[in-house]
């Protein structure tokens, strides 16, 4: 059976690499410290708010956006490689458990582990980013309502802004002063640097203000959305707290009952772990349990 498992593992790795469209040349460039410039297609995708279809492409997109928002966009190819190594480890674990049906399940789950770590660690960063965005947008909106000159408002209040938002507006001023004085173009470039839909709406309204000054009074509504967002997030966490505990307990019981059969009835246990129907049942149970935990994780994500 080992040659069969090895062949299946190799084919799975090749298939996953093909699905992910892994670019070995880009990874080599990263190792050589050349880096990759963000393409026009990436900018258009962010501006339009489009998210790629398909599970793997969507996970790649979200991971890339998180890394970009935390200033680690050049690490994306490394994350890809780590994920592939983790997937291979998952395949090996399934082979050691002598369950061919667990190979695709463990390959996908282990592939997601590095990405889940990045997503979890980025939640703190996102919370801090939203707090600074709310403060920044409030300061600049109040100033812009008085001056009706956004560049002047940014220049006047730049010292009041704090990282990580301050660096984006420093780049905005540098571009308008030295590269391109067109305000609309500069605002569109600013929008691509901050992955937040409320901020995108605020910037879009600023662009409309350049041709219709009456739109200035609409800017305050975007600042107020952050307060509404915090209230919704608190209500969601309170509503999900007991449900999450129940799901975790049920998941533990579902997985724990497999070794538990060994103490209750050894015949059932050996039928479960040594026969093909039993192995398939274990794979289905593990897949459904992990899928349930993944859905709980998605529900617990910060409200946008």
Protein backbone atom coordinates (compact mmCIF):
# COMPACT_ATOMS: atom_id res chain seq x y z
CA UNK A 1 0.00 0.00 0.00
CA UNK A 2 2.94 2.38 0.59
CA UNK A 3 3.76 2.79 -3.15
CA UNK A 4 0.08 3.57 -3.79
CA UNK A 5 -0.01 6.16 -1.01
CA UNK A 6 3.23 7.71 -2.26
CA UNK A 7 1.85 7.99 -5.79
CA UNK A 8 -1.39 9.53 -4.53
CA UNK A 9 0.58 12.01 -2.39
CA UNK A 10 2.74 13.09 -5.34
CA UNK A 11 -0.30 13.52 -7.60
CA UNK A 12 -2.10 15.53 -4.92
CA UNK A 13 0.88 17.86 -4.48
CA UNK A 14 1.12 18.40 -8.24
CA UNK A 15 -2.63 19.00 -8.45
CA UNK A 16 -2.65 21.50 -5.58
CA UNK A 17 0.31 23.36 -7.09
CA UNK A 18 -1.58 23.59 -10.38
CA UNK A 19 -4.78 24.81 -8.70
CA UNK A 20 -2.86 27.46 -6.75
CA UNK A 21 -1.00 28.55 -9.89
CA UNK A 22 2.22 28.51 -7.90
CA UNK A 23 4.87 30.63 -9.60
CA UNK A 24 8.28 29.08 -8.94
CA UNK A 25 10.02 31.88 -10.82
CA UNK A 26 8.40 34.53 -8.59
CA UNK A 27 9.46 32.58 -5.51
CA UNK A 28 13.03 32.43 -6.78
CA UNK A 29 12.94 36.20 -7.34
CA UNK A 30 11.81 36.65 -3.75
CA UNK A 31 14.70 34.52 -2.51
CA UNK A 32 17.03 36.71 -4.56
CA UNK A 33 15.50 39.82 -2.87
CA UNK A 34 14.16 41.23 -6.09
CA UNK A 35 10.54 41.47 -4.97
CA UNK A 36 7.48 41.86 -7.14
CA UNK A 37 5.75 45.08 -8.11
CA UNK A 38 2.00 45.20 -7.64
CA UNK A 39 0.36 44.80 -11.04
CA UNK A 40 -2.31 47.02 -12.58
CA UNK A 41 -4.67 44.04 -12.43
CA UNK A 42 -4.23 43.90 -8.63
CA UNK A 43 -5.05 47.61 -8.35
CA UNK A 44 -8.18 47.21 -10.49
CA UNK A 45 -9.30 44.23 -8.40
CA UNK A 46 -8.99 46.24 -5.17
CA UNK A 47 -10.65 49.32 -6.64
CA UNK A 48 -13.58 47.29 -7.96
CA UNK A 49 -13.87 45.28 -4.74
CA UNK A 50 -13.84 42.00 -6.67
CA UNK A 51 -12.85 38.79 -4.86
CA UNK A 52 -11.64 35.84 -6.96
CA UNK A 53 -14.00 32.88 -7.20
CA UNK A 54 -13.03 29.42 -5.99
CA UNK A 55 -11.99 28.29 -2.53
CA UNK A 56 -8.23 28.16 -3.09
CA UNK A 57 -8.03 31.39 -5.10
CA UNK A 58 -10.18 33.18 -2.52
CA UNK A 59 -7.91 32.01 0.32
CA UNK A 60 -4.86 33.16 -1.64
CA UNK A 61 -6.47 36.56 -2.26
CA UNK A 62 -7.43 37.08 1.39
CA UNK A 63 -3.97 36.00 2.59
CA UNK A 64 -2.30 38.36 0.11
CA UNK A 65 -4.51 41.27 1.24
CA UNK A 66 -3.74 40.58 4.91
CA UNK A 67 -0.01 40.43 4.25
CA UNK A 68 -0.20 43.63 2.22
CA UNK A 69 -2.14 45.45 4.93
CA UNK A 70 0.53 44.49 7.48
CA UNK A 71 3.43 45.47 5.20
CA UNK A 72 4.54 41.89 4.48
CA UNK A 73 3.34 41.50 0.90
CA UNK A 74 6.73 40.10 -0.20
CA UNK A 75 6.18 37.12 2.12
CA UNK A 76 3.27 35.73 0.10
CA UNK A 77 5.37 33.26 -1.90
CA UNK A 78 6.99 32.03 1.32
CA UNK A 79 3.53 31.43 2.80
CA UNK A 80 2.64 29.49 -0.34
CA UNK A 81 5.67 27.23 0.10
CA UNK A 82 5.04 26.74 3.84
CA UNK A 83 1.42 25.84 3.06
CA UNK A 84 2.57 23.28 0.51
CA UNK A 85 5.02 21.75 2.98
CA UNK A 86 2.23 21.60 5.57
CA UNK A 87 -0.03 19.90 3.01
CA UNK A 88 2.65 17.28 2.39
CA UNK A 89 2.94 16.75 6.15
CA UNK A 90 -0.82 16.23 6.27
CA UNK A 91 -0.57 13.64 3.52
CA UNK A 92 2.20 11.84 5.42
CA UNK A 93 0.14 11.87 8.63
CA UNK A 94 -2.82 10.35 6.77
CA UNK A 95 -0.52 7.69 5.32
CA UNK A 96 0.87 6.89 8.78
CA UNK A 97 -2.72 6.47 10.00
CA UNK A 98 -3.19 4.00 7.11
CA UNK A 99 -6.31 5.81 5.87
CA UNK A 100 -6.26 6.77 2.19
CA UNK A 101 -9.55 8.66 2.56
CA UNK A 102 -7.95 11.09 5.01
CA UNK A 103 -5.26 12.13 2.51
CA UNK A 104 -7.28 14.89 0.75
CA UNK A 105 -8.85 15.98 4.04
CA UNK A 106 -5.54 16.38 5.88
CA UNK A 107 -3.86 17.90 2.81
CA UNK A 108 -6.41 20.74 2.68
CA UNK A 109 -6.54 21.24 6.45
CA UNK A 110 -2.76 21.36 6.87
CA UNK A 111 -2.55 23.68 3.83
CA UNK A 112 -4.88 26.09 5.64
CA UNK A 113 -3.01 26.08 8.96
CA UNK A 114 -0.39 28.78 8.05
CA UNK A 115 -3.14 30.93 6.56
CA UNK A 116 -5.32 30.57 9.64
CA UNK A 117 -2.40 31.70 11.77
CA UNK A 118 -1.94 34.78 9.57
CA UNK A 119 -5.67 35.56 9.65
CA UNK A 120 -5.83 35.20 13.44
CA UNK A 121 -2.75 37.34 14.06
CA UNK A 122 -4.08 39.96 11.64
CA UNK A 123 -7.32 40.43 13.60
CA UNK A 124 -5.48 42.49 16.22
CA UNK A 125 -3.87 44.55 13.48
CA UNK A 126 -7.25 45.07 11.78
CA UNK A 127 -8.81 46.28 15.02
CA UNK A 128 -5.99 48.78 15.52
CA UNK A 129 -6.24 49.84 11.87
CA UNK A 130 -9.98 50.49 12.16
CA UNK A 131 -9.48 52.57 15.30
CA UNK A 132 -6.85 54.72 13.61
CA UNK A 133 -8.95 55.00 10.45
CA UNK A 134 -11.90 56.28 12.46
CA UNK A 135 -9.75 58.91 14.17
CA UNK A 136 -8.04 59.93 10.93
CA UNK A 137 -11.25 60.18 8.94
CA UNK A 138 -12.89 62.23 11.69
CA UNK A 139 -9.98 64.70 11.85
CA UNK A 140 -9.68 65.11 8.09
CA UNK A 141 -13.44 65.35 7.55
CA UNK A 142 -13.77 68.17 10.08
CA UNK A 143 -10.82 70.03 8.56
CA UNK A 144 -11.99 69.48 4.97
CA UNK A 145 -15.45 70.86 5.77
CA UNK A 146 -13.77 74.09 6.83
CA UNK A 147 -11.10 74.42 4.14
CA UNK A 148 -12.71 72.57 1.19
CA UNK A 149 -9.12 71.73 0.20
CA UNK A 150 -8.24 68.13 1.00
CA UNK A 151 -4.52 68.39 0.34
CA UNK A 152 -4.29 71.37 2.68
CA UNK A 153 -6.32 69.51 5.31
CA UNK A 154 -3.95 66.54 5.18
CA UNK A 155 -0.86 68.75 5.34
CA UNK A 156 -2.23 70.74 8.30
CA UNK A 157 -3.24 67.68 10.35
CA UNK A 158 -0.47 65.26 9.38
CA UNK A 159 1.20 65.51 12.80
CA UNK A 160 -2.06 64.43 14.46
CA UNK A 161 -2.20 61.17 12.51
CA UNK A 162 -0.67 58.01 13.93
CA UNK A 163 0.81 54.83 12.44
CA UNK A 164 -0.01 52.82 10.44
CA UNK A 165 -2.32 55.35 8.73
CA UNK A 166 0.11 58.26 8.85
CA UNK A 167 2.53 56.68 6.38
CA UNK A 168 -0.22 56.35 3.76
CA UNK A 169 -1.01 60.05 3.91
CA UNK A 170 2.68 60.94 3.87
CA UNK A 171 2.91 59.03 0.60
CA UNK A 172 -0.24 60.81 -0.59
CA UNK A 173 1.34 64.24 0.02
CA UNK A 174 4.62 63.18 -1.58
CA UNK A 175 2.81 62.05 -4.71
CA UNK A 176 0.70 65.21 -5.05
CA UNK A 177 3.69 67.49 -4.38
CA UNK A 178 6.34 65.78 -6.51
CA UNK A 179 4.82 63.25 -8.92
CA UNK A 180 1.24 63.92 -9.96
CA UNK A 181 -0.79 66.90 -8.69
CA UNK A 182 -4.05 65.31 -9.88
CA UNK A 183 -6.07 64.85 -6.68
CA UNK A 184 -8.45 62.20 -8.04
CA UNK A 185 -5.57 59.98 -9.19
CA UNK A 186 -3.83 60.40 -5.83
CA UNK A 187 -7.01 59.49 -3.95
CA UNK A 188 -7.45 56.34 -6.06
CA UNK A 189 -3.88 55.30 -5.29
CA UNK A 190 -4.49 56.00 -1.60
CA UNK A 191 -7.54 53.75 -1.70
CA UNK A 192 -5.55 50.78 -3.00
CA UNK A 193 -3.23 50.93 0.02
CA UNK A 194 -5.86 50.59 2.76
CA UNK A 195 -7.97 47.38 2.70
CA UNK A 196 -11.11 48.72 4.35
CA UNK A 197 -14.51 49.09 2.60
CA UNK A 198 -15.62 52.01 4.80
CA UNK A 199 -12.45 53.89 3.95
CA UNK A 200 -12.99 53.10 0.26
CA UNK A 201 -16.48 54.61 0.45
CA UNK A 202 -15.10 57.68 2.21
CA UNK A 203 -12.44 58.16 -0.48
CA UNK A 204 -15.03 57.67 -3.24
CA UNK A 205 -17.14 60.41 -1.66
CA UNK A 206 -14.08 62.67 -1.50
CA UNK A 207 -13.62 62.13 -5.22
CA UNK A 208 -17.26 63.09 -5.82
CA UNK A 209 -16.74 66.20 -3.69
CA UNK A 210 -14.30 67.52 -6.29
CA UNK A 211 -17.19 68.00 -8.71
CA UNK A 212 -20.06 68.43 -6.22
CA UNK A 213 -19.32 70.28 -2.98
CA UNK A 214 -22.71 69.28 -1.56
CA UNK A 215 -21.32 65.77 -1.09
CA UNK A 216 -19.08 67.03 1.75
CA UNK A 217 -21.89 66.62 4.25
CA UNK A 218 -22.01 62.88 3.42
CA UNK A 219 -18.49 62.27 4.74
CA UNK A 220 -19.57 62.18 8.40
CA UNK A 221 -21.78 59.15 7.74
CA UNK A 222 -18.72 57.02 6.94
CA UNK A 223 -17.08 57.95 10.24
CA UNK A 224 -20.26 56.97 12.08
CA UNK A 225 -20.19 53.53 10.44
CA UNK A 226 -17.19 52.54 12.55
CA UNK A 227 -19.24 53.05 15.73
CA UNK A 228 -22.08 51.02 14.23
CA UNK A 229 -19.58 48.34 13.24
CA UNK A 230 -18.26 48.02 16.79
CA UNK A 231 -21.80 47.69 18.16
CA UNK A 232 -22.68 44.98 15.63
CA UNK A 233 -19.42 43.12 16.37
CA UNK A 234 -20.13 43.14 20.12
CA UNK A 235 -23.68 41.85 19.60
CA UNK A 236 -22.43 39.14 17.23
CA UNK A 237 -19.77 37.92 19.65
CA UNK A 238 -22.30 37.78 22.48
CA UNK A 239 -24.79 35.84 20.36
CA UNK A 240 -22.18 33.35 19.14
CA UNK A 241 -20.43 32.74 22.47
CA UNK A 242 -22.64 29.89 23.68
CA UNK A 243 -23.05 28.45 20.18
CA UNK A 244 -19.26 28.28 19.70
CA UNK A 245 -18.84 26.43 23.01
CA UNK A 246 -21.48 23.91 21.93
CA UNK A 247 -19.81 23.37 18.54
CA UNK A 248 -16.38 22.85 20.15
CA UNK A 249 -17.80 20.33 22.63
CA UNK A 250 -19.59 18.41 19.87
CA UNK A 251 -16.45 18.42 17.71
CA UNK A 252 -14.41 17.05 20.60
CA UNK A 253 -16.97 14.31 21.24
CA UNK A 254 -17.11 13.40 17.55
CA UNK A 255 -13.35 12.99 17.25
CA UNK A 256 -12.91 11.57 20.75
CA UNK A 257 -15.44 8.80 20.21
CA UNK A 258 -13.12 7.12 17.70
CA UNK A 259 -10.48 6.07 20.27
CA UNK A 260 -13.29 5.74 22.78
CA UNK A 261 -14.67 2.76 20.86
CA UNK A 262 -11.50 0.85 21.77
CA UNK A 263 -12.54 0.83 25.42
CA UNK A 264 -16.24 0.32 24.75
CA UNK A 265 -16.07 -2.39 22.11
CA UNK A 266 -12.80 -3.47 20.54
CA UNK A 267 -14.57 -5.24 17.69
CA UNK A 268 -16.30 -1.99 16.66
CA UNK A 269 -13.02 -0.13 16.96
CA UNK A 270 -11.05 -2.52 14.72
CA UNK A 271 -13.90 -2.52 12.19
CA UNK A 272 -13.78 1.25 12.17
CA UNK A 273 -10.01 1.64 11.71
CA UNK A 274 -9.15 -1.45 9.65
CA UNK A 275 -11.98 -1.81 7.10
CA UNK A 276 -12.50 0.41 4.06
CA UNK A 277 -16.08 1.43 5.05
CA UNK A 278 -14.84 2.27 8.54
CA UNK A 279 -11.94 4.34 7.21
CA UNK A 280 -14.31 6.17 4.85
CA UNK A 281 -16.63 6.88 7.79
CA UNK A 282 -13.75 8.33 9.80
CA UNK A 283 -12.73 10.55 6.87
CA UNK A 284 -16.30 11.83 6.42
CA UNK A 285 -16.67 12.49 10.16
CA UNK A 286 -13.34 14.35 10.35
CA UNK A 287 -14.13 16.35 7.19
CA UNK A 288 -17.58 17.40 8.45
CA UNK A 289 -16.18 18.28 11.89
CA UNK A 290 -13.42 20.42 10.42
CA UNK A 291 -15.88 22.03 7.98
CA UNK A 292 -18.11 22.96 10.94
CA UNK A 293 -15.17 24.51 12.77
CA UNK A 294 -14.24 26.43 9.61
CA UNK A 295 -17.78 27.84 9.37
CA UNK A 296 -17.64 28.91 13.02
CA UNK A 297 -14.33 30.62 12.31
CA UNK A 298 -15.90 32.49 9.37
CA UNK A 299 -18.82 33.64 11.54
CA UNK A 300 -16.37 34.89 14.15
CA UNK A 301 -14.50 37.04 11.63
CA UNK A 302 -14.54 40.82 12.20
CA UNK A 303 -17.55 42.57 10.72
CA UNK A 304 -16.75 44.63 7.63
